[in-house]
Amino acid sequence: MINVEYKVRGKLQREEIWEYPLEAMREALLNSIIHRDYFKYGIQTQIKIYEDKIWFFNTGDLFGGMTIENLKKPHPSANRNPLIADMFFKTGMVEVQGSGINRMLKSLKNAGLPEPEFKEEFGGFSVYMYKNYTEDMLRERGLNERQIKAMKYLSKKGSITIKEYTDIAPEKSRRTLGRDLSELVEKDLIKPVGPKTTRKYELKI
């Protein structure tokens, strides 16, 4: 089950905070309807919720020569079901055809969540949205073991200082650890907060 937190602000106004941004889930669901291969009727579109992720699965591989690598780049729309796509566009549920993936990426990033993982598998297409960065995801982005420990610390504590990082990896010099943190900033995973003398680093939101 997807948890929803409630915060009270102003005059008893309730603010709902979802574990996954609604816009990202909406785009994944719309894509699964619009791009489904309806000739494969033996298996249905599926959404499964796990402790650490949510999984959207849809029958039908990527269409029109599209690749997973190009999904995150500006790309033309290629529709397996143009009439269904046009219907959603005319009702206003789809803004610009071919822009849904970018909206999904942006909403997850704004929520401080990892980029989704796209896979062609089981004769179809999957979208995985994660609550936190997994070790495999961080390694794929080129992080070393020290940096992975730092990211785990940040996920639990919310911020990290160079001193705290030194306690995590005492075998390395302060200069090396400083380079580690600078690389995490360059990879757009964390952001520096405050002047250099008292600087801390927080997860990038």
Protein backbone atom coordinates (compact mmCIF):
# COMPACT_ATOMS: atom_id res chain seq x y z
CA MET A 1 0.00 0.00 0.00
CA ILE A 2 1.25 3.49 -0.83
CA ASN A 3 1.49 5.60 2.31
CA VAL A 4 0.17 9.14 2.47
CA GLU A 5 1.37 11.59 5.11
CA TYR A 6 -0.81 14.47 6.28
CA LYS A 7 0.46 17.84 7.44
CA VAL A 8 -1.62 20.63 8.91
CA ARG A 9 -0.78 24.14 7.80
CA GLY A 10 -2.47 27.50 8.12
CA LYS A 11 -6.04 27.13 9.31
CA LEU A 12 -6.30 23.37 9.54
CA GLN A 13 -5.59 22.86 5.85
CA ARG A 14 -4.45 19.31 5.15
CA GLU A 15 -1.50 18.68 2.86
CA GLU A 16 -1.15 15.18 1.42
CA ILE A 17 2.39 13.93 0.81
CA TRP A 18 2.58 10.78 -1.30
CA GLU A 19 5.52 8.36 -1.30
CA TYR A 20 5.62 8.72 -5.09
CA PRO A 21 4.53 11.90 -6.88
CA LEU A 22 1.07 11.56 -8.38
CA GLU A 23 2.20 13.10 -11.67
CA ALA A 24 4.83 10.39 -12.15
CA MET A 25 2.35 7.61 -11.41
CA ARG A 26 -0.22 9.24 -13.67
CA GLU A 27 2.23 9.36 -16.59
CA ALA A 28 3.26 5.73 -16.08
CA LEU A 29 -0.40 4.66 -16.05
CA LEU A 30 -1.30 6.71 -19.14
CA ASN A 31 1.68 5.33 -21.02
CA SER A 32 0.65 1.79 -20.15
CA ILE A 33 -2.81 2.42 -21.64
CA ILE A 34 -1.70 4.35 -24.71
CA HIS A 35 1.26 2.17 -25.71
CA ARG A 36 -0.07 -1.27 -24.78
CA ASP A 37 -0.03 -4.02 -27.41
CA TYR A 38 -3.70 -4.97 -27.32
CA PHE A 39 -3.14 -8.02 -29.53
CA LYS A 40 -1.37 -9.65 -26.57
CA TYR A 41 -4.50 -10.41 -24.59
CA GLY A 42 -3.14 -13.29 -22.48
CA ILE A 43 -1.58 -10.94 -19.90
CA GLN A 44 -2.92 -7.70 -18.51
CA THR A 45 -1.32 -4.38 -17.69
CA GLN A 46 -0.08 -4.70 -14.11
CA ILE A 47 0.84 -2.43 -11.23
CA LYS A 48 2.56 -4.01 -8.23
CA ILE A 49 3.53 -2.19 -5.05
CA TYR A 50 6.52 -3.41 -3.06
CA GLU A 51 8.17 -2.21 0.13
CA ASP A 52 10.90 -0.33 -1.75
CA LYS A 53 9.38 0.30 -5.20
CA ILE A 54 6.33 0.37 -7.43
CA TRP A 55 6.31 -1.55 -10.73
CA PHE A 56 4.27 -0.78 -13.84
CA PHE A 57 4.23 -3.48 -16.53
CA ASN A 58 2.66 -3.27 -19.95
CA THR A 59 2.59 -5.71 -22.86
CA GLY A 60 4.40 -4.55 -25.98
CA ASP A 61 8.01 -3.57 -26.58
CA LEU A 62 9.07 -0.02 -27.40
CA PHE A 63 7.55 1.07 -30.69
CA GLY A 64 8.80 2.89 -33.80
CA GLY A 65 12.51 2.27 -33.33
CA MET A 66 12.55 3.87 -29.87
CA THR A 67 15.25 2.69 -27.45
CA ILE A 68 15.50 2.94 -23.68
CA GLU A 69 18.57 5.18 -24.08
CA ASN A 70 16.54 7.69 -26.12
CA LEU A 71 13.55 7.77 -23.79
CA LYS A 72 15.22 10.31 -21.51
CA LYS A 73 16.11 12.59 -24.42
CA PRO A 74 13.78 14.81 -26.47
CA HIS A 75 12.14 12.47 -28.95
CA PRO A 76 9.26 12.36 -31.41
CA SER A 77 6.11 10.52 -30.48
CA ALA A 78 5.63 7.10 -32.07
CA ASN A 79 2.28 5.58 -31.20
CA ARG A 80 1.26 1.96 -31.51
CA ASN A 81 -2.34 3.10 -30.88
CA PRO A 82 -2.73 6.56 -32.51
CA LEU A 83 -6.51 6.73 -31.99
CA ILE A 84 -6.19 6.07 -28.25
CA ALA A 85 -3.32 8.57 -28.00
CA ASP A 86 -5.35 11.20 -29.85
CA MET A 87 -8.33 10.63 -27.56
CA PHE A 88 -6.27 11.25 -24.43
CA PHE A 89 -4.67 14.31 -26.06
CA LYS A 90 -8.04 15.84 -26.97
CA THR A 91 -9.42 15.28 -23.47
CA GLY A 92 -6.41 17.13 -22.02
CA MET A 93 -5.06 14.14 -20.13
CA VAL A 94 -1.94 14.15 -22.32
CA GLU A 95 -0.37 17.60 -22.83
CA VAL A 96 2.13 17.07 -25.63
CA GLN A 97 2.58 13.65 -27.15
CA GLY A 98 6.07 12.31 -26.49
CA SER A 99 6.63 14.46 -23.36
CA GLY A 100 5.29 12.12 -20.67
CA ILE A 101 8.62 10.52 -19.79
CA ASN A 102 10.24 13.92 -19.21
CA ARG A 103 7.40 14.94 -16.88
CA MET A 104 7.82 11.68 -15.01
CA LEU A 105 11.58 12.25 -14.62
CA LYS A 106 11.10 15.84 -13.48
CA SER A 107 8.41 15.05 -10.90
CA LEU A 108 10.47 12.23 -9.35
CA LYS A 109 13.56 14.45 -9.21
CA ASN A 110 11.57 17.26 -7.59
CA ALA A 111 10.37 14.76 -4.98
CA GLY A 112 13.98 13.78 -4.21
CA LEU A 113 13.52 10.28 -5.62
CA PRO A 114 15.80 8.33 -7.98
CA GLU A 115 15.24 8.26 -11.70
CA PRO A 116 12.90 5.42 -12.70
CA GLU A 117 14.33 2.29 -14.25
CA PHE A 118 13.01 1.29 -17.68
CA LYS A 119 13.25 -2.30 -18.91
CA GLU A 120 12.09 -4.33 -21.88
CA GLU A 121 11.24 -7.67 -20.29
CA PHE A 122 8.65 -10.47 -20.20
CA GLY A 123 7.53 -9.56 -23.70
CA GLY A 124 6.65 -6.04 -22.63
CA PHE A 125 7.84 -2.81 -21.04
CA SER A 126 8.41 -2.09 -17.35
CA VAL A 127 8.78 1.08 -15.29
CA TYR A 128 10.24 0.78 -11.79
CA MET A 129 9.95 3.71 -9.37
CA TYR A 130 12.08 3.47 -6.23
CA LYS A 131 11.78 5.06 -2.80
CA ASN A 132 15.55 5.33 -2.45
CA TYR A 133 18.70 4.73 -4.45
CA THR A 134 19.74 1.08 -4.38
CA GLU A 135 23.40 0.06 -4.25
CA ASP A 136 23.20 -1.31 -7.80
CA MET A 137 21.76 1.98 -9.07
CA LEU A 138 24.52 3.96 -7.39
CA ARG A 139 27.24 1.69 -8.77
CA GLU A 140 25.80 2.09 -12.25
CA ARG A 141 26.25 5.84 -11.83
CA GLY A 142 29.94 5.31 -11.05
CA LEU A 143 29.95 5.71 -7.26
CA ASN A 144 32.67 4.02 -5.23
CA GLU A 145 31.98 2.10 -2.01
CA ARG A 146 32.73 5.13 0.20
CA GLN A 147 30.29 7.29 -1.74
CA ILE A 148 27.62 4.60 -1.49
CA LYS A 149 28.08 4.60 2.31
CA ALA A 150 27.75 8.39 2.27
CA MET A 151 24.49 8.17 0.30
CA LYS A 152 23.11 5.62 2.77
CA TYR A 153 24.06 7.94 5.63
CA LEU A 154 22.34 10.85 3.89
CA SER A 155 19.17 8.80 3.36
CA LYS A 156 18.97 8.12 7.10
CA LYS A 157 20.26 11.39 8.57
CA GLY A 158 19.26 13.93 5.91
CA SER A 159 22.68 15.58 5.68
CA ILE A 160 26.38 14.87 6.02
CA THR A 161 29.45 16.97 6.86
CA ILE A 162 33.05 16.30 5.91
CA LYS A 163 33.71 15.37 9.55
CA GLU A 164 30.90 12.82 9.54
CA TYR A 165 32.18 11.44 6.27
CA THR A 166 35.64 11.10 7.84
CA ASP A 167 34.11 8.98 10.61
CA ILE A 168 32.52 6.74 7.94
CA ALA A 169 35.76 6.32 5.95
CA PRO A 170 38.66 7.01 8.37
CA GLU A 171 41.15 5.20 6.14
CA LYS A 172 41.04 8.00 3.52
CA SER A 173 42.39 11.54 3.71
CA ARG A 174 40.13 14.54 4.13
CA ARG A 175 41.15 15.73 0.64
CA THR A 176 40.08 12.43 -0.95
CA LEU A 177 36.75 12.52 0.87
CA GLY A 178 36.27 16.12 -0.22
CA ARG A 179 36.72 15.01 -3.84
CA ASP A 180 34.18 12.23 -3.22
CA LEU A 181 31.57 14.75 -2.11
CA SER A 182 32.39 17.11 -4.99
CA GLU A 183 31.80 14.23 -7.42
CA LEU A 184 28.41 13.54 -5.84
CA VAL A 185 27.53 17.21 -6.35
CA GLU A 186 28.63 16.99 -10.01
CA LYS A 187 26.49 13.88 -10.47
CA ASP A 188 23.52 15.92 -9.22
CA LEU A 189 22.92 13.59 -6.26
CA ILE A 190 23.65 16.01 -3.41
CA LYS A 191 23.92 19.76 -2.90
CA PRO A 192 26.21 21.85 -0.64
CA VAL A 193 24.53 23.96 2.02
CA GLY A 194 26.17 26.81 3.94
CA PRO A 195 29.64 28.45 3.86
CA LYS A 196 32.72 26.29 3.34
CA THR A 197 33.79 26.35 7.00
CA THR A 198 30.49 24.89 8.24
CA ARG A 199 29.28 23.27 5.04
CA LYS A 200 27.01 20.25 5.01
CA TYR A 201 25.59 18.29 2.11
CA GLU A 202 22.00 17.29 1.55
CA LEU A 203 20.29 15.04 -0.97
CA LYS A 204 19.48 16.95 -4.14
CA ILE A 205 15.76 17.76 -4.42
